Amino acid sequence: MNQTLTLFGLSTTPLELISFVLSVATVWLNIRQKHWAWLFAIISSATYGVVFYGARLYGDMALQLVFISVSIWGWYQWLRGDDSHEQLPVTVLDARGRWLAALGWLLGFGALAWFLKSFTDTDVPNADGFLTAGSLVGQLLLSRKKLENWHVWIIVDVLYVALYVHKGLMLTAVLYAMFVVMAAIGLLAWRRAMDGAQEAQAAGDAMVLK
């Protein structure tokens, strides 16, 4: 699975190609709010963990293990729904939630960058640490269907394109460029879903008042 092949002029491996396809399917299902996205996320995280190990992106490799755990929890959250066991709605973070997300990203970056510098041979500890921490924040927000997860993914994915070009993972760089576009689509789709739910609730409340 590690032999090199050329696809549309890009050097890749069969395992990276499989991971590419699974990841695209994951994001497409996330945009449509389909819970099966989490199954594809688990499988693609496992295969990409192997790919990143070979590229000495140890932060990203470890992140895939975290993603698998978070994906199991996220799958449960999406299936369980909200407190009334209805489908988990799209919501936004309040001001406190946004500050906590930003603080978590910053603290995660500091801890991961230090660890990668101290205990691994990676040549990109700061970039790897920053993007790994951001990806974890994005995944946690996605698990709770917070609209801001797409903002995080847009930032992270743009920066990942540059990182993967630097590491020679050209197909994965193309994948993350696609993710930027898909994240923008997801942001718009989830915003429409949230606005539609709010309008439906307002209409329902108006009927009750009548």
N, C-alpha and C. Protein backbone atom coordinates (compact mmCIF):
# COMPACT_ATOMS: atom_id res chain seq x y z
N MET A 1 0.82 -1.22 0.00
CA MET A 1 0.00 0.00 0.00
C MET A 1 0.86 1.27 0.00
N ASN A 2 2.20 1.09 0.11
CA ASN A 2 3.07 2.25 0.16
C ASN A 2 3.81 2.51 -1.14
N GLN A 3 3.57 1.66 -2.17
CA GLN A 3 4.25 1.89 -3.43
C GLN A 3 3.74 3.17 -4.08
N THR A 4 4.65 3.88 -4.71
CA THR A 4 4.30 5.17 -5.31
C THR A 4 3.59 4.97 -6.64
N LEU A 5 2.56 5.76 -6.87
CA LEU A 5 1.89 5.77 -8.17
C LEU A 5 1.59 7.22 -8.54
N THR A 6 1.33 7.46 -9.80
CA THR A 6 1.05 8.80 -10.29
C THR A 6 -0.40 8.88 -10.74
N LEU A 7 -1.10 9.89 -10.22
CA LEU A 7 -2.51 10.08 -10.55
C LEU A 7 -2.71 11.52 -10.96
N PHE A 8 -3.11 11.74 -12.22
CA PHE A 8 -3.30 13.10 -12.75
C PHE A 8 -2.06 13.97 -12.52
N GLY A 9 -0.90 13.34 -12.65
CA GLY A 9 0.35 14.07 -12.51
C GLY A 9 0.82 14.24 -11.08
N LEU A 10 0.07 13.71 -10.10
CA LEU A 10 0.43 13.82 -8.69
C LEU A 10 0.97 12.51 -8.19
N SER A 11 2.06 12.58 -7.43
CA SER A 11 2.64 11.39 -6.83
C SER A 11 1.87 11.04 -5.56
N THR A 12 1.44 9.79 -5.44
CA THR A 12 0.67 9.38 -4.27
C THR A 12 0.91 7.90 -4.01
N THR A 13 0.18 7.34 -3.07
CA THR A 13 0.22 5.91 -2.76
C THR A 13 -1.21 5.40 -2.71
N PRO A 14 -1.41 4.09 -2.87
CA PRO A 14 -2.78 3.55 -2.78
C PRO A 14 -3.46 3.89 -1.46
N LEU A 15 -2.72 3.87 -0.35
CA LEU A 15 -3.32 4.15 0.95
C LEU A 15 -3.75 5.62 1.05
N GLU A 16 -2.93 6.52 0.51
CA GLU A 16 -3.31 7.93 0.52
C GLU A 16 -4.54 8.15 -0.35
N LEU A 17 -4.62 7.43 -1.46
CA LEU A 17 -5.76 7.56 -2.37
C LEU A 17 -7.05 7.08 -1.70
N ILE A 18 -6.96 5.94 -1.02
CA ILE A 18 -8.13 5.42 -0.29
C ILE A 18 -8.57 6.41 0.79
N SER A 19 -7.60 6.96 1.51
CA SER A 19 -7.89 7.94 2.56
C SER A 19 -8.56 9.18 1.98
N PHE A 20 -8.09 9.59 0.81
CA PHE A 20 -8.65 10.74 0.09
C PHE A 20 -10.15 10.53 -0.17
N VAL A 21 -10.49 9.39 -0.75
CA VAL A 21 -11.88 9.11 -1.11
C VAL A 21 -12.76 9.05 0.14
N LEU A 22 -12.28 8.37 1.17
CA LEU A 22 -13.06 8.25 2.40
C LEU A 22 -13.27 9.62 3.06
N SER A 23 -12.27 10.47 3.01
CA SER A 23 -12.37 11.79 3.64
C SER A 23 -13.37 12.68 2.91
N VAL A 24 -13.36 12.62 1.58
CA VAL A 24 -14.34 13.39 0.81
C VAL A 24 -15.76 12.93 1.15
N ALA A 25 -15.95 11.62 1.23
CA ALA A 25 -17.26 11.08 1.59
C ALA A 25 -17.69 11.54 2.99
N THR A 26 -16.73 11.60 3.91
CA THR A 26 -17.02 12.04 5.27
C THR A 26 -17.56 13.47 5.29
N VAL A 27 -16.85 14.38 4.63
CA VAL A 27 -17.27 15.79 4.65
C VAL A 27 -18.60 15.97 3.92
N TRP A 28 -18.78 15.27 2.82
CA TRP A 28 -20.05 15.38 2.07
C TRP A 28 -21.22 14.94 2.95
N LEU A 29 -21.04 13.86 3.70
CA LEU A 29 -22.10 13.39 4.59
C LEU A 29 -22.30 14.34 5.77
N ASN A 30 -21.21 14.97 6.25
CA ASN A 30 -21.34 15.96 7.32
C ASN A 30 -22.18 17.15 6.86
N ILE A 31 -21.93 17.61 5.64
CA ILE A 31 -22.70 18.73 5.11
C ILE A 31 -24.18 18.40 5.10
N ARG A 32 -24.50 17.16 4.77
CA ARG A 32 -25.89 16.73 4.70
C ARG A 32 -26.43 16.27 6.06
N GLN A 33 -25.61 16.39 7.10
CA GLN A 33 -25.99 16.01 8.46
C GLN A 33 -26.42 14.55 8.56
N LYS A 34 -25.70 13.66 7.85
CA LYS A 34 -25.96 12.23 7.89
C LYS A 34 -25.01 11.57 8.90
N HIS A 35 -25.58 10.82 9.83
CA HIS A 35 -24.76 10.26 10.90
C HIS A 35 -23.74 9.24 10.41
N TRP A 36 -23.94 8.68 9.20
CA TRP A 36 -22.96 7.73 8.67
C TRP A 36 -21.61 8.39 8.40
N ALA A 37 -21.58 9.70 8.41
CA ALA A 37 -20.30 10.41 8.24
C ALA A 37 -19.29 9.95 9.27
N TRP A 38 -19.78 9.63 10.47
CA TRP A 38 -18.85 9.26 11.54
C TRP A 38 -18.17 7.92 11.27
N LEU A 39 -18.87 7.00 10.61
CA LEU A 39 -18.25 5.72 10.26
C LEU A 39 -17.11 5.95 9.26
N PHE A 40 -17.37 6.75 8.23
CA PHE A 40 -16.33 7.07 7.27
C PHE A 40 -15.18 7.81 7.93
N ALA A 41 -15.49 8.67 8.90
CA ALA A 41 -14.45 9.42 9.62
C ALA A 41 -13.53 8.47 10.38
N ILE A 42 -14.11 7.46 11.01
CA ILE A 42 -13.32 6.49 11.77
C ILE A 42 -12.36 5.73 10.85
N ILE A 43 -12.88 5.27 9.71
CA ILE A 43 -12.05 4.49 8.79
C ILE A 43 -10.97 5.37 8.15
N SER A 44 -11.35 6.57 7.70
CA SER A 44 -10.36 7.45 7.06
C SER A 44 -9.30 7.91 8.06
N SER A 45 -9.68 8.10 9.32
CA SER A 45 -8.71 8.49 10.34
C SER A 45 -7.68 7.38 10.54
N ALA A 46 -8.13 6.14 10.53
CA ALA A 46 -7.22 5.01 10.69
C ALA A 46 -6.23 4.93 9.53
N THR A 47 -6.71 5.08 8.31
CA THR A 47 -5.82 4.98 7.15
C THR A 47 -4.89 6.19 7.05
N TYR A 48 -5.41 7.37 7.36
CA TYR A 48 -4.55 8.55 7.31
C TYR A 48 -3.51 8.55 8.43
N GLY A 49 -3.80 7.89 9.54
CA GLY A 49 -2.81 7.77 10.59
C GLY A 49 -1.54 7.09 10.09
N VAL A 50 -1.72 6.07 9.27
CA VAL A 50 -0.58 5.37 8.69
C VAL A 50 0.16 6.27 7.69
N VAL A 51 -0.60 7.00 6.87
CA VAL A 51 0.00 7.91 5.90
C VAL A 51 0.84 8.98 6.60
N PHE A 52 0.30 9.58 7.65
CA PHE A 52 1.00 10.66 8.34
C PHE A 52 2.23 10.14 9.09
N TYR A 53 2.17 8.92 9.57
CA TYR A 53 3.34 8.33 10.22
C TYR A 53 4.50 8.25 9.24
N GLY A 54 4.19 7.84 8.02
CA GLY A 54 5.22 7.75 7.01
C GLY A 54 5.80 9.10 6.62
N ALA A 55 5.01 10.17 6.78
CA ALA A 55 5.46 11.52 6.45
C ALA A 55 6.06 12.24 7.65
N ARG A 56 6.19 11.56 8.79
CA ARG A 56 6.72 12.13 10.03
C ARG A 56 5.88 13.31 10.53
N LEU A 57 4.59 13.28 10.25
CA LEU A 57 3.65 14.25 10.80
C LEU A 57 3.00 13.61 12.03
N TYR A 58 3.77 13.56 13.12
CA TYR A 58 3.35 12.78 14.27
C TYR A 58 2.16 13.40 15.00
N GLY A 59 2.08 14.73 14.96
CA GLY A 59 0.92 15.37 15.56
C GLY A 59 -0.35 14.97 14.83
N ASP A 60 -0.30 15.02 13.50
CA ASP A 60 -1.45 14.60 12.70
C ASP A 60 -1.74 13.12 12.87
N MET A 61 -0.69 12.32 13.01
CA MET A 61 -0.90 10.88 13.22
C MET A 61 -1.64 10.64 14.54
N ALA A 62 -1.16 11.29 15.61
CA ALA A 62 -1.82 11.13 16.91
C ALA A 62 -3.24 11.68 16.87
N LEU A 63 -3.42 12.76 16.10
CA LEU A 63 -4.74 13.36 15.99
C LEU A 63 -5.75 12.38 15.43
N GLN A 64 -5.31 11.52 14.53
CA GLN A 64 -6.23 10.55 13.94
C GLN A 64 -6.77 9.59 15.00
N LEU A 65 -5.94 9.24 15.97
CA LEU A 65 -6.39 8.38 17.07
C LEU A 65 -7.44 9.12 17.91
N VAL A 66 -7.18 10.41 18.15
CA VAL A 66 -8.16 11.21 18.89
C VAL A 66 -9.45 11.33 18.08
N PHE A 67 -9.30 11.54 16.76
CA PHE A 67 -10.46 11.65 15.89
C PHE A 67 -11.33 10.40 15.97
N ILE A 68 -10.71 9.24 16.04
CA ILE A 68 -11.48 8.00 16.12
C ILE A 68 -12.33 7.99 17.40
N SER A 69 -11.72 8.40 18.52
CA SER A 69 -12.45 8.45 19.78
C SER A 69 -13.57 9.49 19.74
N VAL A 70 -13.24 10.68 19.24
CA VAL A 70 -14.24 11.74 19.15
C VAL A 70 -15.35 11.36 18.17
N SER A 71 -15.00 10.65 17.10
CA SER A 71 -16.01 10.24 16.12
C SER A 71 -17.02 9.28 16.72
N ILE A 72 -16.54 8.38 17.57
CA ILE A 72 -17.47 7.47 18.25
C ILE A 72 -18.43 8.25 19.13
N TRP A 73 -17.88 9.23 19.87
CA TRP A 73 -18.71 10.09 20.72
C TRP A 73 -19.65 10.94 19.87
N GLY A 74 -19.13 11.51 18.78
CA GLY A 74 -19.96 12.33 17.91
C GLY A 74 -21.09 11.54 17.28
N TRP A 75 -20.80 10.32 16.88
CA TRP A 75 -21.82 9.44 16.29
C TRP A 75 -22.96 9.23 17.29
N TYR A 76 -22.56 8.97 18.54
CA TYR A 76 -23.57 8.79 19.59
C TYR A 76 -24.39 10.06 19.78
N GLN A 77 -23.72 11.23 19.78
CA GLN A 77 -24.42 12.50 19.97
C GLN A 77 -25.44 12.74 18.86
N TRP A 78 -25.04 12.47 17.62
CA TRP A 78 -25.95 12.70 16.50
C TRP A 78 -27.12 11.73 16.52
N LEU A 79 -26.88 10.50 16.96
CA LEU A 79 -27.97 9.51 17.02
C LEU A 79 -28.88 9.78 18.22
N ARG A 80 -28.30 10.20 19.33
CA ARG A 80 -29.08 10.45 20.55
C ARG A 80 -29.96 11.69 20.40
N GLY A 81 -29.42 12.73 19.72
CA GLY A 81 -30.17 13.95 19.56
C GLY A 81 -30.03 14.88 20.75
N ASP A 82 -30.96 15.80 20.90
CA ASP A 82 -30.90 16.75 22.00
C ASP A 82 -31.56 16.15 23.24
N ASP A 83 -31.86 16.99 24.22
CA ASP A 83 -32.42 16.49 25.48
C ASP A 83 -33.77 15.81 25.29
N SER A 84 -34.48 16.18 24.23
CA SER A 84 -35.77 15.54 23.96
C SER A 84 -35.62 14.37 22.99
N HIS A 85 -34.37 14.04 22.69
CA HIS A 85 -34.04 12.94 21.77
C HIS A 85 -34.53 13.19 20.35
N GLU A 86 -34.76 14.46 20.04
CA GLU A 86 -34.99 14.83 18.65
C GLU A 86 -33.62 14.97 17.97
N GLN A 87 -33.63 15.11 16.65
CA GLN A 87 -32.37 15.27 15.94
C GLN A 87 -31.60 16.46 16.51
N LEU A 88 -30.30 16.25 16.73
CA LEU A 88 -29.47 17.31 17.28
C LEU A 88 -29.50 18.51 16.34
N PRO A 89 -29.93 19.68 16.82
CA PRO A 89 -30.06 20.85 15.93
C PRO A 89 -28.72 21.57 15.74
N VAL A 90 -28.63 22.31 14.66
CA VAL A 90 -27.48 23.18 14.44
C VAL A 90 -27.65 24.41 15.32
N THR A 91 -26.63 24.73 16.11
CA THR A 91 -26.67 25.89 16.99
C THR A 91 -25.34 26.64 16.89
N VAL A 92 -25.29 27.82 17.50
CA VAL A 92 -24.06 28.61 17.51
C VAL A 92 -23.54 28.71 18.95
N LEU A 93 -22.24 28.94 19.04
CA LEU A 93 -21.63 29.15 20.34
C LEU A 93 -22.01 30.51 20.89
N ASP A 94 -22.14 30.60 22.21
CA ASP A 94 -22.30 31.91 22.82
C ASP A 94 -20.89 32.51 22.99
N ALA A 95 -20.82 33.71 23.52
CA ALA A 95 -19.53 34.40 23.65
C ALA A 95 -18.56 33.58 24.51
N ARG A 96 -19.06 33.00 25.58
CA ARG A 96 -18.18 32.20 26.46
C ARG A 96 -17.65 30.98 25.70
N GLY A 97 -18.51 30.34 24.91
CA GLY A 97 -18.09 29.18 24.16
C GLY A 97 -17.01 29.51 23.14
N ARG A 98 -17.14 30.69 22.50
CA ARG A 98 -16.13 31.10 21.52
C ARG A 98 -14.78 31.35 22.19
N TRP A 99 -14.81 31.99 23.36
CA TRP A 99 -13.56 32.24 24.08
C TRP A 99 -12.93 30.93 24.54
N LEU A 100 -13.75 30.00 25.00
CA LEU A 100 -13.21 28.70 25.44
C LEU A 100 -12.60 27.93 24.27
N ALA A 101 -13.26 28.00 23.11
CA ALA A 101 -12.72 27.31 21.92
C ALA A 101 -11.38 27.91 21.52
N ALA A 102 -11.29 29.24 21.54
CA ALA A 102 -10.03 29.91 21.17
C ALA A 102 -8.94 29.59 22.19
N LEU A 103 -9.29 29.60 23.48
CA LEU A 103 -8.32 29.29 24.52
C LEU A 103 -7.84 27.85 24.41
N GLY A 104 -8.79 26.94 24.15
CA GLY A 104 -8.42 25.54 23.99
C GLY A 104 -7.46 25.33 22.83
N TRP A 105 -7.72 26.05 21.73
CA TRP A 105 -6.84 25.97 20.56
C TRP A 105 -5.44 26.47 20.92
N LEU A 106 -5.36 27.60 21.61
CA LEU A 106 -4.07 28.18 21.97
C LEU A 106 -3.29 27.28 22.93
N LEU A 107 -3.96 26.78 23.96
CA LEU A 107 -3.28 25.92 24.93
C LEU A 107 -2.86 24.60 24.28
N GLY A 108 -3.73 24.06 23.42
CA GLY A 108 -3.38 22.83 22.72
C GLY A 108 -2.18 23.02 21.82
N PHE A 109 -2.13 24.17 21.13
CA PHE A 109 -1.00 24.48 20.27
C PHE A 109 0.30 24.51 21.07
N GLY A 110 0.29 25.21 22.20
CA GLY A 110 1.50 25.30 23.02
C GLY A 110 1.98 23.95 23.50
N ALA A 111 1.05 23.14 24.00
CA ALA A 111 1.42 21.83 24.53
C ALA A 111 1.91 20.90 23.43
N LEU A 112 1.21 20.88 22.31
CA LEU A 112 1.59 19.97 21.22
C LEU A 112 2.90 20.38 20.57
N ALA A 113 3.10 21.68 20.35
CA ALA A 113 4.35 22.14 19.74
C ALA A 113 5.53 21.79 20.63
N TRP A 114 5.38 22.00 21.95
CA TRP A 114 6.45 21.64 22.89
C TRP A 114 6.74 20.15 22.83
N PHE A 115 5.70 19.33 22.85
CA PHE A 115 5.89 17.88 22.82
C PHE A 115 6.58 17.43 21.54
N LEU A 116 6.14 17.97 20.41
CA LEU A 116 6.71 17.56 19.13
C LEU A 116 8.17 17.98 19.00
N LYS A 117 8.50 19.17 19.52
CA LYS A 117 9.89 19.62 19.49
C LYS A 117 10.77 18.76 20.39
N SER A 118 10.22 18.38 21.53
CA SER A 118 11.01 17.70 22.55
C SER A 118 11.17 16.20 22.33
N PHE A 119 10.17 15.56 21.74
CA PHE A 119 10.16 14.10 21.74
C PHE A 119 10.03 13.45 20.36
N THR A 120 9.99 14.23 19.29
CA THR A 120 9.89 13.64 17.95
C THR A 120 10.93 14.28 17.02
N ASP A 121 11.08 13.70 15.84
CA ASP A 121 12.03 14.24 14.86
C ASP A 121 11.32 15.02 13.76
N THR A 122 10.08 15.48 14.00
CA THR A 122 9.37 16.25 13.00
C THR A 122 10.12 17.54 12.68
N ASP A 123 10.04 17.98 11.44
CA ASP A 123 10.68 19.23 11.04
C ASP A 123 9.70 20.39 11.03
N VAL A 124 8.45 20.14 11.40
CA VAL A 124 7.43 21.21 11.40
C VAL A 124 6.62 21.17 12.70
N PRO A 125 7.28 21.28 13.85
CA PRO A 125 6.55 21.12 15.12
C PRO A 125 5.50 22.19 15.36
N ASN A 126 5.80 23.45 15.01
CA ASN A 126 4.84 24.52 15.26
C ASN A 126 3.61 24.41 14.36
N ALA A 127 3.85 24.19 13.07
CA ALA A 127 2.72 24.06 12.14
C ALA A 127 1.88 22.84 12.49
N ASP A 128 2.56 21.72 12.77
CA ASP A 128 1.86 20.49 13.10
C ASP A 128 1.05 20.66 14.38
N GLY A 129 1.65 21.29 15.38
CA GLY A 129 0.96 21.49 16.65
C GLY A 129 -0.23 22.42 16.53
N PHE A 130 -0.05 23.53 15.80
CA PHE A 130 -1.13 24.50 15.64
C PHE A 130 -2.32 23.89 14.91
N LEU A 131 -2.05 23.18 13.82
CA LEU A 131 -3.14 22.63 13.02
C LEU A 131 -3.77 21.41 13.69
N THR A 132 -2.98 20.65 14.42
CA THR A 132 -3.53 19.52 15.17
C THR A 132 -4.50 20.02 16.23
N ALA A 133 -4.10 21.06 16.98
CA ALA A 133 -4.97 21.61 18.01
C ALA A 133 -6.24 22.19 17.40
N GLY A 134 -6.10 22.91 16.29
CA GLY A 134 -7.27 23.48 15.63
C GLY A 134 -8.21 22.42 15.11
N SER A 135 -7.65 21.34 14.58
CA SER A 135 -8.48 20.25 14.06
C SER A 135 -9.28 19.59 15.18
N LEU A 136 -8.66 19.47 16.34
CA LEU A 136 -9.36 18.87 17.48
C LEU A 136 -10.51 19.76 17.92
N VAL A 137 -10.29 21.07 17.96
CA VAL A 137 -11.36 22.01 18.30
C VAL A 137 -12.50 21.89 17.29
N GLY A 138 -12.14 21.87 15.99
CA GLY A 138 -13.15 21.75 14.95
C GLY A 138 -13.97 20.47 15.07
N GLN A 139 -13.29 19.37 15.39
CA GLN A 139 -13.98 18.09 15.50
C GLN A 139 -14.94 18.07 16.68
N LEU A 140 -14.53 18.67 17.79
CA LEU A 140 -15.41 18.72 18.96
C LEU A 140 -16.65 19.58 18.67
N LEU A 141 -16.44 20.71 17.99
CA LEU A 141 -17.59 21.56 17.63
C LEU A 141 -18.51 20.85 16.64
N LEU A 142 -17.93 20.11 15.72
CA LEU A 142 -18.73 19.33 14.76
C LEU A 142 -19.58 18.30 15.49
N SER A 143 -19.01 17.67 16.50
CA SER A 143 -19.74 16.65 17.25
C SER A 143 -21.00 17.18 17.89
N ARG A 144 -20.96 18.46 18.27
CA ARG A 144 -22.13 19.08 18.90
C ARG A 144 -22.95 19.92 17.91
N LYS A 145 -22.63 19.81 16.61
CA LYS A 145 -23.32 20.55 15.55
C LYS A 145 -23.31 22.05 15.81
N LYS A 146 -22.14 22.56 16.16
CA LYS A 146 -21.97 24.00 16.31
C LYS A 146 -21.55 24.58 14.96
N LEU A 147 -22.24 25.62 14.54
CA LEU A 147 -21.99 26.22 13.23
C LEU A 147 -20.53 26.64 13.07
N GLU A 148 -19.91 27.05 14.16
CA GLU A 148 -18.53 27.56 14.10
C GLU A 148 -17.52 26.51 13.71
N ASN A 149 -17.92 25.23 13.73
CA ASN A 149 -16.96 24.20 13.32
C ASN A 149 -16.48 24.46 11.90
N TRP A 150 -17.36 24.99 11.04
CA TRP A 150 -16.97 25.25 9.65
C TRP A 150 -16.00 26.40 9.55
N HIS A 151 -16.12 27.42 10.41
CA HIS A 151 -15.14 28.50 10.44
C HIS A 151 -13.75 27.95 10.77
N VAL A 152 -13.72 27.08 11.77
CA VAL A 152 -12.44 26.49 12.18
C VAL A 152 -11.85 25.67 11.04
N TRP A 153 -12.68 24.86 10.40
CA TRP A 153 -12.16 24.00 9.33
C TRP A 153 -11.65 24.81 8.14
N ILE A 154 -12.30 25.93 7.82
CA ILE A 154 -11.82 26.75 6.71
C ILE A 154 -10.40 27.27 7.01
N ILE A 155 -10.19 27.78 8.21
CA ILE A 155 -8.86 28.27 8.59
C ILE A 155 -7.84 27.14 8.55
N VAL A 156 -8.17 26.03 9.20
CA VAL A 156 -7.24 24.90 9.30
C VAL A 156 -6.93 24.32 7.92
N ASP A 157 -7.94 24.14 7.10
CA ASP A 157 -7.73 23.49 5.81
C ASP A 157 -6.87 24.32 4.87
N VAL A 158 -7.06 25.66 4.90
CA VAL A 158 -6.21 26.53 4.07
C VAL A 158 -4.74 26.35 4.45
N LEU A 159 -4.46 26.33 5.75
CA LEU A 159 -3.09 26.19 6.20
C LEU A 159 -2.55 24.78 5.95
N TYR A 160 -3.43 23.77 6.04
CA TYR A 160 -2.99 22.40 5.76
C TYR A 160 -2.55 22.23 4.32
N VAL A 161 -3.16 22.95 3.39
CA VAL A 161 -2.75 22.84 1.99
C VAL A 161 -1.26 23.16 1.87
N ALA A 162 -0.84 24.25 2.48
CA ALA A 162 0.58 24.64 2.42
C ALA A 162 1.47 23.60 3.10
N LEU A 163 1.02 23.07 4.23
CA LEU A 163 1.83 22.09 4.96
C LEU A 163 2.02 20.82 4.14
N TYR A 164 0.96 20.33 3.53
CA TYR A 164 1.06 19.08 2.79
C TYR A 164 1.84 19.24 1.49
N VAL A 165 1.78 20.42 0.89
CA VAL A 165 2.65 20.68 -0.27
C VAL A 165 4.11 20.62 0.18
N HIS A 166 4.40 21.22 1.32
CA HIS A 166 5.75 21.19 1.87
C HIS A 166 6.23 19.76 2.14
N LYS A 167 5.32 18.90 2.60
CA LYS A 167 5.69 17.52 2.93
C LYS A 167 5.63 16.59 1.73
N GLY A 168 5.22 17.09 0.57
CA GLY A 168 5.17 16.25 -0.62
C GLY A 168 3.94 15.38 -0.72
N LEU A 169 2.95 15.62 0.12
CA LEU A 169 1.70 14.86 0.07
C LEU A 169 0.73 15.62 -0.85
N MET A 170 1.00 15.54 -2.15
CA MET A 170 0.30 16.40 -3.09
C MET A 170 -1.18 16.08 -3.21
N LEU A 171 -1.52 14.78 -3.21
CA LEU A 171 -2.93 14.42 -3.30
C LEU A 171 -3.69 14.90 -2.07
N THR A 172 -3.07 14.78 -0.92
CA THR A 172 -3.70 15.25 0.31
C THR A 172 -3.82 16.77 0.30
N ALA A 173 -2.85 17.47 -0.28
CA ALA A 173 -2.95 18.92 -0.43
C ALA A 173 -4.15 19.29 -1.29
N VAL A 174 -4.35 18.55 -2.39
CA VAL A 174 -5.53 18.77 -3.24
C VAL A 174 -6.80 18.50 -2.43
N LEU A 175 -6.78 17.42 -1.65
CA LEU A 175 -7.94 17.08 -0.82
C LEU A 175 -8.31 18.23 0.10
N TYR A 176 -7.32 18.83 0.76
CA TYR A 176 -7.61 19.90 1.71
C TYR A 176 -8.02 21.18 1.01
N ALA A 177 -7.56 21.38 -0.22
CA ALA A 177 -8.08 22.51 -1.00
C ALA A 177 -9.56 22.29 -1.29
N MET A 178 -9.93 21.04 -1.59
CA MET A 178 -11.34 20.70 -1.78
C MET A 178 -12.11 20.91 -0.47
N PHE A 179 -11.48 20.57 0.65
CA PHE A 179 -12.13 20.73 1.95
C PHE A 179 -12.47 22.20 2.23
N VAL A 180 -11.61 23.12 1.78
CA VAL A 180 -11.90 24.54 1.99
C VAL A 180 -13.22 24.89 1.32
N VAL A 181 -13.38 24.44 0.08
CA VAL A 181 -14.61 24.72 -0.66
C VAL A 181 -15.80 24.02 0.01
N MET A 182 -15.60 22.75 0.40
CA MET A 182 -16.69 22.00 1.02
C MET A 182 -17.07 22.59 2.37
N ALA A 183 -16.09 23.11 3.11
CA ALA A 183 -16.39 23.73 4.40
C ALA A 183 -17.23 24.99 4.20
N ALA A 184 -16.93 25.76 3.16
CA ALA A 184 -17.74 26.95 2.85
C ALA A 184 -19.16 26.55 2.49
N ILE A 185 -19.30 25.46 1.72
CA ILE A 185 -20.62 24.94 1.37
C ILE A 185 -21.34 24.46 2.63
N GLY A 186 -20.61 23.76 3.49
CA GLY A 186 -21.20 23.28 4.74
C GLY A 186 -21.66 24.41 5.63
N LEU A 187 -20.88 25.49 5.69
CA LEU A 187 -21.26 26.65 6.49
C LEU A 187 -22.59 27.23 6.01
N LEU A 188 -22.72 27.38 4.71
CA LEU A 188 -23.96 27.93 4.16
C LEU A 188 -25.14 26.99 4.36
N ALA A 189 -24.91 25.68 4.15
CA ALA A 189 -25.98 24.70 4.30
C ALA A 189 -26.46 24.62 5.75
N TRP A 190 -25.53 24.61 6.70
CA TRP A 190 -25.91 24.53 8.10
C TRP A 190 -26.58 25.82 8.57
N ARG A 191 -26.14 26.97 8.03
CA ARG A 191 -26.78 28.22 8.40
C ARG A 191 -28.23 28.24 7.92
N ARG A 192 -28.46 27.74 6.69
CA ARG A 192 -29.83 27.66 6.18
C ARG A 192 -30.68 26.73 7.03
N ALA A 193 -30.08 25.58 7.43
CA ALA A 193 -30.81 24.63 8.27
C ALA A 193 -31.16 25.24 9.61
N MET A 194 -30.23 25.98 10.20
CA MET A 194 -30.47 26.62 11.49
C MET A 194 -31.54 27.69 11.37
N ASP A 195 -31.44 28.52 10.32
CA ASP A 195 -32.44 29.57 10.12
C ASP A 195 -33.82 28.96 9.87
N GLY A 196 -33.87 27.87 9.10
CA GLY A 196 -35.14 27.22 8.83
C GLY A 196 -35.77 26.66 10.09
N ALA A 197 -34.94 26.06 10.95
CA ALA A 197 -35.46 25.52 12.21
C ALA A 197 -35.98 26.63 13.11
N GLN A 198 -35.27 27.76 13.13
CA GLN A 198 -35.72 28.88 13.96
C GLN A 198 -37.03 29.46 13.44
N GLU A 199 -37.18 29.54 12.13
CA GLU A 199 -38.43 30.05 11.55
C GLU A 199 -39.58 29.11 11.85
N ALA A 200 -39.31 27.80 11.76
CA ALA A 200 -40.36 26.81 12.05
C ALA A 200 -40.77 26.89 13.51
N GLN A 201 -39.79 27.09 14.40
CA GLN A 201 -40.12 27.20 15.82
C GLN A 201 -40.93 28.46 16.10
N ALA A 202 -40.53 29.55 15.44
CA ALA A 202 -41.28 30.81 15.63
C ALA A 202 -42.71 30.68 15.14
N ALA A 203 -42.88 30.00 14.00
CA ALA A 203 -44.22 29.78 13.47
C ALA A 203 -45.03 28.92 14.42
N GLY A 204 -44.39 27.90 14.98
CA GLY A 204 -45.08 27.03 15.93
C GLY A 204 -45.48 27.77 17.18
N ASP A 205 -44.59 28.63 17.68
CA ASP A 205 -44.91 29.42 18.87
C ASP A 205 -46.08 30.37 18.60
N ALA A 206 -46.08 30.94 17.38
CA ALA A 206 -47.18 31.85 17.01
C ALA A 206 -48.51 31.12 16.97
N MET A 207 -48.51 29.88 16.51
CA MET A 207 -49.73 29.09 16.48
C MET A 207 -50.24 28.79 17.87
N VAL A 208 -49.26 28.50 18.78
CA VAL A 208 -49.67 28.22 20.15
C VAL A 208 -50.29 29.44 20.80
N LEU A 209 -49.71 30.62 20.53
CA LEU A 209 -50.25 31.86 21.11
C LEU A 209 -51.65 32.15 20.60
N LYS A 210 -51.93 31.76 19.36
CA LYS A 210 -53.27 31.96 18.82
C LYS A 210 -54.27 31.08 19.54
